[in-house]
Amino acid sequence: MGRVISLTYPGGNRVNYSYAVNGDLASMTVTINGVSRSVLTGIKQFPGGPVDEWTYGNGLKRNLSYDQSYRLTGISTPGV
């Protein structure tokens, strides 16, 4: 599908992307000085629409709300 799966910066740090079966971005991991860390996981999108939610590497979950025209109506991060 022509998706970027990895991006390496001149200093050697790397960002890896993984995708769901339908091609949507599913997670992002960074590797800095040889240590890999999850940045985003559980990225979910509405079919054919915008991102609905994701989980940060620290475990906090971000939720986005939209109206019927997919206009953003709210952002929440429970626990913050």
PDB file of N, CA and C in Angstrom:
ATOM      1  N   MET A   1       0.818  -1.204   0.000  1.00  0.00           N
ATOM      2  CA  MET A   1       0.000   0.000   0.000  1.00  0.00           C
ATOM      3  C   MET A   1       0.855   1.259   0.000  1.00  0.00           C
ATOM      4  N   GLY A   2       2.158   1.130  -0.005  1.00  0.00           N
ATOM      5  CA  GLY A   2       3.005   2.302  -0.031  1.00  0.00           C
ATOM      6  C   GLY A   2       3.090   3.045   1.287  1.00  0.00           C
ATOM      7  N   ARG A   3       2.887   2.362   2.382  1.00  0.00           N
ATOM      8  CA  ARG A   3       2.929   2.984   3.711  1.00  0.00           C
ATOM      9  C   ARG A   3       4.362   3.053   4.231  1.00  0.00           C
ATOM     10  N   VAL A   4       4.666   4.124   4.957  1.00  0.00           N
ATOM     11  CA  VAL A   4       5.959   4.238   5.625  1.00  0.00           C
ATOM     12  C   VAL A   4       5.946   3.292   6.819  1.00  0.00           C
ATOM     13  N   ILE A   5       6.952   2.435   6.928  1.00  0.00           N
ATOM     14  CA  ILE A   5       7.008   1.520   8.068  1.00  0.00           C
ATOM     15  C   ILE A   5       8.114   1.883   9.048  1.00  0.00           C
ATOM     16  N   SER A   6       9.107   2.651   8.573  1.00  0.00           N
ATOM     17  CA  SER A   6      10.205   3.038   9.446  1.00  0.00           C
ATOM     18  C   SER A   6      10.839   4.312   8.913  1.00  0.00           C
ATOM     19  N   LEU A   7      11.250   5.169   9.823  1.00  0.00           N
ATOM     20  CA  LEU A   7      11.917   6.415   9.465  1.00  0.00           C
ATOM     21  C   LEU A   7      13.124   6.557  10.379  1.00  0.00           C
ATOM     22  N   THR A   8      14.317   6.622   9.791  1.00  0.00           N
ATOM     23  CA  THR A   8      15.544   6.755  10.579  1.00  0.00           C
ATOM     24  C   THR A   8      16.109   8.154  10.380  1.00  0.00           C
ATOM     25  N   TYR A   9      16.344   8.831  11.485  1.00  0.00           N
ATOM     26  CA  TYR A   9      16.884  10.186  11.453  1.00  0.00           C
ATOM     27  C   TYR A   9      18.404  10.142  11.372  1.00  0.00           C
ATOM     28  N   PRO A  10      19.051  11.241  10.906  1.00  0.00           N
ATOM     29  CA  PRO A  10      20.511  11.251  10.752  1.00  0.00           C
ATOM     30  C   PRO A  10      21.272  10.851  12.020  1.00  0.00           C
ATOM     31  N   GLY A  11      20.751  11.167  13.186  1.00  0.00           N
ATOM     32  CA  GLY A  11      21.414  10.807  14.439  1.00  0.00           C
ATOM     33  C   GLY A  11      21.262   9.343  14.814  1.00  0.00           C
ATOM     34  N   GLY A  12      20.481   8.586  14.029  1.00  0.00           N
ATOM     35  CA  GLY A  12      20.294   7.161  14.282  1.00  0.00           C
ATOM     36  C   GLY A  12      18.992   6.807  14.981  1.00  0.00           C
ATOM     37  N   ASN A  13      18.278   7.794  15.501  1.00  0.00           N
ATOM     38  CA  ASN A  13      16.983   7.506  16.126  1.00  0.00           C
ATOM     39  C   ASN A  13      15.999   7.060  15.053  1.00  0.00           C
ATOM     40  N   ARG A  14      15.083   6.168  15.433  1.00  0.00           N
ATOM     41  CA  ARG A  14      14.166   5.580  14.460  1.00  0.00           C
ATOM     42  C   ARG A  14      12.733   5.599  14.981  1.00  0.00           C
ATOM     43  N   VAL A  15      11.800   5.798  14.059  1.00  0.00           N
ATOM     44  CA  VAL A  15      10.371   5.690  14.352  1.00  0.00           C
ATOM     45  C   VAL A  15       9.825   4.553  13.500  1.00  0.00           C
ATOM     46  N   ASN A  16       9.130   3.603  14.131  1.00  0.00           N
ATOM     47  CA  ASN A  16       8.500   2.490  13.417  1.00  0.00           C
ATOM     48  C   ASN A  16       6.990   2.641  13.489  1.00  0.00           C
ATOM     49  N   TYR A  17       6.346   2.362  12.370  1.00  0.00           N
ATOM     50  CA  TYR A  17       4.898   2.455  12.269  1.00  0.00           C
ATOM     51  C   TYR A  17       4.339   1.076  11.957  1.00  0.00           C
ATOM     52  N   SER A  18       3.233   0.712  12.600  1.00  0.00           N
ATOM     53  CA  SER A  18       2.548  -0.531  12.239  1.00  0.00           C
ATOM     54  C   SER A  18       1.113  -0.186  11.863  1.00  0.00           C
ATOM     55  N   TYR A  19       0.551  -1.012  11.011  1.00  0.00           N
ATOM     56  CA  TYR A  19      -0.760  -0.729  10.440  1.00  0.00           C
ATOM     57  C   TYR A  19      -1.729  -1.881  10.660  1.00  0.00           C
ATOM     58  N   ALA A  20      -2.993  -1.543  10.751  1.00  0.00           N
ATOM     59  CA  ALA A  20      -4.062  -2.538  10.850  1.00  0.00           C
ATOM     60  C   ALA A  20      -4.254  -3.185   9.475  1.00  0.00           C
ATOM     61  N   VAL A  21      -5.011  -4.255   9.437  1.00  0.00           N
ATOM     62  CA  VAL A  21      -5.267  -4.975   8.189  1.00  0.00           C
ATOM     63  C   VAL A  21      -5.860  -4.051   7.127  1.00  0.00           C
ATOM     64  N   ASN A  22      -6.692  -3.086   7.541  1.00  0.00           N
ATOM     65  CA  ASN A  22      -7.329  -2.183   6.582  1.00  0.00           C
ATOM     66  C   ASN A  22      -6.419  -1.039   6.144  1.00  0.00           C
ATOM     67  N   GLY A  23      -5.184  -0.989   6.661  1.00  0.00           N
ATOM     68  CA  GLY A  23      -4.230   0.034   6.257  1.00  0.00           C
ATOM     69  C   GLY A  23      -4.143   1.238   7.165  1.00  0.00           C
ATOM     70  N   ASP A  24      -5.016   1.331   8.165  1.00  0.00           N
ATOM     71  CA  ASP A  24      -4.968   2.449   9.106  1.00  0.00           C
ATOM     72  C   ASP A  24      -3.774   2.298  10.040  1.00  0.00           C
ATOM     73  N   LEU A  25      -3.197   3.422  10.449  1.00  0.00           N
ATOM     74  CA  LEU A  25      -2.102   3.395  11.411  1.00  0.00           C
ATOM     75  C   LEU A  25      -2.595   2.776  12.712  1.00  0.00           C
ATOM     76  N   ALA A  26      -1.838   1.817  13.258  1.00  0.00           N
ATOM     77  CA  ALA A  26      -2.247   1.122  14.483  1.00  0.00           C
ATOM     78  C   ALA A  26      -1.370   1.473  15.671  1.00  0.00           C
ATOM     79  N   SER A  27      -0.055   1.706  15.431  1.00  0.00           N
ATOM     80  CA  SER A  27       0.837   2.030  16.545  1.00  0.00           C
ATOM     81  C   SER A  27       2.116   2.684  16.038  1.00  0.00           C
ATOM     82  N   MET A  28       2.809   3.361  16.963  1.00  0.00           N
ATOM     83  CA  MET A  28       4.100   3.984  16.677  1.00  0.00           C
ATOM     84  C   MET A  28       5.064   3.648  17.804  1.00  0.00           C
ATOM     85  N   THR A  29       6.292   3.297  17.436  1.00  0.00           N
ATOM     86  CA  THR A  29       7.350   3.000  18.398  1.00  0.00           C
ATOM     87  C   THR A  29       8.579   3.810  18.013  1.00  0.00           C
ATOM     88  N   VAL A  30       9.285   4.354  19.002  1.00  0.00           N
ATOM     89  CA  VAL A  30      10.536   5.061  18.729  1.00  0.00           C
ATOM     90  C   VAL A  30      11.695   4.284  19.331  1.00  0.00           C
ATOM     91  N   THR A  31      12.832   4.360  18.668  1.00  0.00           N
ATOM     92  CA  THR A  31      14.062   3.775  19.191  1.00  0.00           C
ATOM     93  C   THR A  31      15.084   4.897  19.281  1.00  0.00           C
ATOM     94  N   ILE A  32      15.506   5.199  20.505  1.00  0.00           N
ATOM     95  CA  ILE A  32      16.472   6.260  20.771  1.00  0.00           C
ATOM     96  C   ILE A  32      17.638   5.638  21.527  1.00  0.00           C
ATOM     97  N   ASN A  33      18.828   5.819  20.979  1.00  0.00           N
ATOM     98  CA  ASN A  33      20.035   5.237  21.583  1.00  0.00           C
ATOM     99  C   ASN A  33      19.879   3.741  21.847  1.00  0.00           C
ATOM    100  N   GLY A  34      19.221   3.039  20.921  1.00  0.00           N
ATOM    101  CA  GLY A  34      19.061   1.597  21.027  1.00  0.00           C
ATOM    102  C   GLY A  34      17.940   1.122  21.931  1.00  0.00           C
ATOM    103  N   VAL A  35      17.226   2.048  22.561  1.00  0.00           N
ATOM    104  CA  VAL A  35      16.128   1.684  23.463  1.00  0.00           C
ATOM    105  C   VAL A  35      14.799   1.990  22.773  1.00  0.00           C
ATOM    106  N   SER A  36      13.959   0.964  22.610  1.00  0.00           N
ATOM    107  CA  SER A  36      12.651   1.134  21.964  1.00  0.00           C
ATOM    108  C   SER A  36      11.576   1.428  22.993  1.00  0.00           C
ATOM    109  N   ARG A  37      10.704   2.362  22.629  1.00  0.00           N
ATOM    110  CA  ARG A  37       9.580   2.717  23.502  1.00  0.00           C
ATOM    111  C   ARG A  37       8.326   2.903  22.657  1.00  0.00           C
ATOM    112  N   SER A  38       7.236   2.440  23.194  1.00  0.00           N
ATOM    113  CA  SER A  38       5.946   2.640  22.549  1.00  0.00           C
ATOM    114  C   SER A  38       5.518   4.085  22.752  1.00  0.00           C
ATOM    115  N   VAL A  39       5.103   4.732  21.679  1.00  0.00           N
ATOM    116  CA  VAL A  39       4.620   6.110  21.755  1.00  0.00           C
ATOM    117  C   VAL A  39       3.099   6.128  21.690  1.00  0.00           C
ATOM    118  N   LEU A  40       2.545   5.437  20.709  1.00  0.00           N
ATOM    119  CA  LEU A  40       1.092   5.347  20.537  1.00  0.00           C
ATOM    120  C   LEU A  40       0.719   3.913  20.201  1.00  0.00           C
ATOM    121  N   THR A  41      -0.355   3.416  20.817  1.00  0.00           N
ATOM    122  CA  THR A  41      -0.889   2.094  20.492  1.00  0.00           C
ATOM    123  C   THR A  41      -2.407   2.195  20.427  1.00  0.00           C
ATOM    124  N   GLY A  42      -3.024   1.161  19.921  1.00  0.00           N
ATOM    125  CA  GLY A  42      -4.483   1.107  19.909  1.00  0.00           C
ATOM    126  C   GLY A  42      -5.133   2.244  19.151  1.00  0.00           C
ATOM    127  N   ILE A  43      -4.465   2.725  18.098  1.00  0.00           N
ATOM    128  CA  ILE A  43      -5.032   3.820  17.309  1.00  0.00           C
ATOM    129  C   ILE A  43      -6.237   3.275  16.554  1.00  0.00           C
ATOM    130  N   LYS A  44      -7.387   3.903  16.759  1.00  0.00           N
ATOM    131  CA  LYS A  44      -8.624   3.460  16.108  1.00  0.00           C
ATOM    132  C   LYS A  44      -9.228   4.614  15.323  1.00  0.00           C
ATOM    133  N   GLN A  45      -9.775   4.282  14.160  1.00  0.00           N
ATOM    134  CA  GLN A  45     -10.416   5.272  13.315  1.00  0.00           C
ATOM    135  C   GLN A  45     -11.833   4.841  12.986  1.00  0.00           C
ATOM    136  N   PHE A  46     -12.684   5.833  12.736  1.00  0.00           N
ATOM    137  CA  PHE A  46     -14.002   5.538  12.197  1.00  0.00           C
ATOM    138  C   PHE A  46     -13.803   5.068  10.757  1.00  0.00           C
ATOM    139  N   PRO A  47     -14.648   4.169  10.260  1.00  0.00           N
ATOM    140  CA  PRO A  47     -14.503   3.717   8.873  1.00  0.00           C
ATOM    141  C   PRO A  47     -14.538   4.908   7.912  1.00  0.00           C
ATOM    142  N   GLY A  48     -13.446   5.090   7.190  1.00  0.00           N
ATOM    143  CA  GLY A  48     -13.376   6.182   6.226  1.00  0.00           C
ATOM    144  C   GLY A  48     -13.321   7.559   6.850  1.00  0.00           C
ATOM    145  N   GLY A  49     -13.088   7.622   8.142  1.00  0.00           N
ATOM    146  CA  GLY A  49     -13.120   8.907   8.828  1.00  0.00           C
ATOM    147  C   GLY A  49     -11.901   9.163   9.682  1.00  0.00           C
ATOM    148  N   PRO A  50     -12.054  10.068  10.637  1.00  0.00           N
ATOM    149  CA  PRO A  50     -10.925  10.495  11.461  1.00  0.00           C
ATOM    150  C   PRO A  50     -10.592   9.509  12.584  1.00  0.00           C
ATOM    151  N   VAL A  51      -9.480   9.791  13.242  1.00  0.00           N
ATOM    152  CA  VAL A  51      -9.042   8.989  14.384  1.00  0.00           C
ATOM    153  C   VAL A  51     -10.014   9.183  15.537  1.00  0.00           C
ATOM    154  N   ASP A  52     -10.367   8.083  16.195  1.00  0.00           N
ATOM    155  CA  ASP A  52     -11.329   8.075  17.292  1.00  0.00           C
ATOM    156  C   ASP A  52     -10.637   8.046  18.651  1.00  0.00           C
ATOM    157  N   GLU A  53      -9.581   7.234  18.772  1.00  0.00           N
ATOM    158  CA  GLU A  53      -8.891   7.103  20.057  1.00  0.00           C
ATOM    159  C   GLU A  53      -7.512   6.504  19.860  1.00  0.00           C
ATOM    160  N   TRP A  54      -6.665   6.665  20.886  1.00  0.00           N
ATOM    161  CA  TRP A  54      -5.365   6.012  20.938  1.00  0.00           C
ATOM    162  C   TRP A  54      -4.901   5.974  22.373  1.00  0.00           C
ATOM    163  N   THR A  55      -3.872   5.189  22.629  1.00  0.00           N
ATOM    164  CA  THR A  55      -3.282   5.097  23.959  1.00  0.00           C
ATOM    165  C   THR A  55      -1.828   5.534  23.864  1.00  0.00           C
ATOM    166  N   TYR A  56      -1.447   6.457  24.749  1.00  0.00           N
ATOM    167  CA  TYR A  56      -0.062   6.925  24.800  1.00  0.00           C
ATOM    168  C   TYR A  56       0.829   5.865  25.439  1.00  0.00           C
ATOM    169  N   GLY A  57       2.129   6.008  25.264  1.00  0.00           N
ATOM    170  CA  GLY A  57       3.090   5.075  25.838  1.00  0.00           C
ATOM    171  C   GLY A  57       3.027   4.991  27.353  1.00  0.00           C
ATOM    172  N   ASN A  58       2.522   6.052  28.004  1.00  0.00           N
ATOM    173  CA  ASN A  58       2.405   6.043  29.470  1.00  0.00           C
ATOM    174  C   ASN A  58       1.093   5.425  29.950  1.00  0.00           C
ATOM    175  N   GLY A  59       0.282   4.900  29.006  1.00  0.00           N
ATOM    176  CA  GLY A  59      -0.961   4.231  29.366  1.00  0.00           C
ATOM    177  C   GLY A  59      -2.200   5.105  29.343  1.00  0.00           C
ATOM    178  N   LEU A  60      -2.028   6.419  29.220  1.00  0.00           N
ATOM    179  CA  LEU A  60      -3.195   7.300  29.155  1.00  0.00           C
ATOM    180  C   LEU A  60      -3.871   7.169  27.801  1.00  0.00           C
ATOM    181  N   LYS A  61      -5.193   7.183  27.816  1.00  0.00           N
ATOM    182  CA  LYS A  61      -5.975   7.014  26.603  1.00  0.00           C
ATOM    183  C   LYS A  61      -6.559   8.357  26.180  1.00  0.00           C
ATOM    184  N   ARG A  62      -6.468   8.679  24.899  1.00  0.00           N
ATOM    185  CA  ARG A  62      -7.038   9.910  24.350  1.00  0.00           C
ATOM    186  C   ARG A  62      -8.270   9.540  23.545  1.00  0.00           C
ATOM    187  N   ASN A  63      -9.383  10.210  23.820  1.00  0.00           N
ATOM    188  CA  ASN A  63     -10.634   9.980  23.099  1.00  0.00           C
ATOM    189  C   ASN A  63     -11.043  11.258  22.386  1.00  0.00           C
ATOM    190  N   LEU A  64     -11.489  11.117  21.155  1.00  0.00           N
ATOM    191  CA  LEU A  64     -11.954  12.249  20.370  1.00  0.00           C
ATOM    192  C   LEU A  64     -13.423  12.039  20.030  1.00  0.00           C
ATOM    193  N   SER A  65     -14.198  13.117  20.064  1.00  0.00           N
ATOM    194  CA  SER A  65     -15.625  13.049  19.739  1.00  0.00           C
ATOM    195  C   SER A  65     -15.894  13.925  18.523  1.00  0.00           C
ATOM    196  N   TYR A  66     -16.829  13.482  17.691  1.00  0.00           N
ATOM    197  CA  TYR A  66     -17.161  14.198  16.462  1.00  0.00           C
ATOM    198  C   TYR A  66     -18.670  14.267  16.296  1.00  0.00           C
ATOM    199  N   ASP A  67     -19.120  15.248  15.514  1.00  0.00           N
ATOM    200  CA  ASP A  67     -20.532  15.284  15.147  1.00  0.00           C
ATOM    201  C   ASP A  67     -20.720  14.416  13.894  1.00  0.00           C
ATOM    202  N   GLN A  68     -21.920  14.422  13.324  1.00  0.00           N
ATOM    203  CA  GLN A  68     -22.214  13.553  12.182  1.00  0.00           C
ATOM    204  C   GLN A  68     -21.426  13.916  10.927  1.00  0.00           C
ATOM    205  N   SER A  69     -20.898  15.142  10.882  1.00  0.00           N
ATOM    206  CA  SER A  69     -20.080  15.574   9.744  1.00  0.00           C
ATOM    207  C   SER A  69     -18.588  15.410  10.019  1.00  0.00           C
ATOM    208  N   TYR A  70     -18.260  14.665  11.084  1.00  0.00           N
ATOM    209  CA  TYR A  70     -16.877  14.428  11.512  1.00  0.00           C
ATOM    210  C   TYR A  70     -16.157  15.710  11.908  1.00  0.00           C
ATOM    211  N   ARG A  71     -16.901  16.692  12.403  1.00  0.00           N
ATOM    212  CA  ARG A  71     -16.267  17.884  12.975  1.00  0.00           C
ATOM    213  C   ARG A  71     -15.967  17.585  14.431  1.00  0.00           C
ATOM    214  N   LEU A  72     -14.755  17.888  14.843  1.00  0.00           N
ATOM    215  CA  LEU A  72     -14.320  17.605  16.205  1.00  0.00           C
ATOM    216  C   LEU A  72     -15.173  18.378  17.205  1.00  0.00           C
ATOM    217  N   THR A  73     -15.730  17.663  18.182  1.00  0.00           N
ATOM    218  CA  THR A  73     -16.566  18.309  19.204  1.00  0.00           C
ATOM    219  C   THR A  73     -16.009  18.145  20.608  1.00  0.00           C
ATOM    220  N   GLY A  74     -15.039  17.256  20.784  1.00  0.00           N
ATOM    221  CA  GLY A  74     -14.489  17.073  22.118  1.00  0.00           C
ATOM    222  C   GLY A  74     -13.239  16.222  22.125  1.00  0.00           C
ATOM    223  N   ILE A  75     -12.387  16.500  23.103  1.00  0.00           N
ATOM    224  CA  ILE A  75     -11.164  15.732  23.324  1.00  0.00           C
ATOM    225  C   ILE A  75     -11.094  15.430  24.809  1.00  0.00           C
ATOM    226  N   SER A  76     -10.860  14.174  25.155  1.00  0.00           N
ATOM    227  CA  SER A  76     -10.732  13.842  26.575  1.00  0.00           C
ATOM    228  C   SER A  76      -9.588  12.856  26.784  1.00  0.00           C
ATOM    229  N   THR A  77      -8.976  12.974  27.941  1.00  0.00           N
ATOM    230  CA  THR A  77      -7.933  12.056  28.375  1.00  0.00           C
ATOM    231  C   THR A  77      -8.253  11.682  29.812  1.00  0.00           C
ATOM    232  N   PRO A  78      -9.054  10.620  30.016  1.00  0.00           N
ATOM    233  CA  PRO A  78      -9.422  10.227  31.373  1.00  0.00           C
ATOM    234  C   PRO A  78      -8.182   9.994  32.243  1.00  0.00           C
ATOM    235  N   GLY A  79      -8.256  10.451  33.465  1.00  0.00           N
ATOM    236  CA  GLY A  79      -7.155  10.278  34.392  1.00  0.00           C
ATOM    237  C   GLY A  79      -6.210  11.460  34.457  1.00  0.00           C
ATOM    238  N   VAL A  80      -6.493  12.489  33.659  1.00  0.00           N
ATOM    239  CA  VAL A  80      -5.648  13.690  33.679  1.00  0.00           C
ATOM    240  C   VAL A  80      -6.441  14.829  34.263  1.00  0.00           C
TER     241      VAL A  80
END
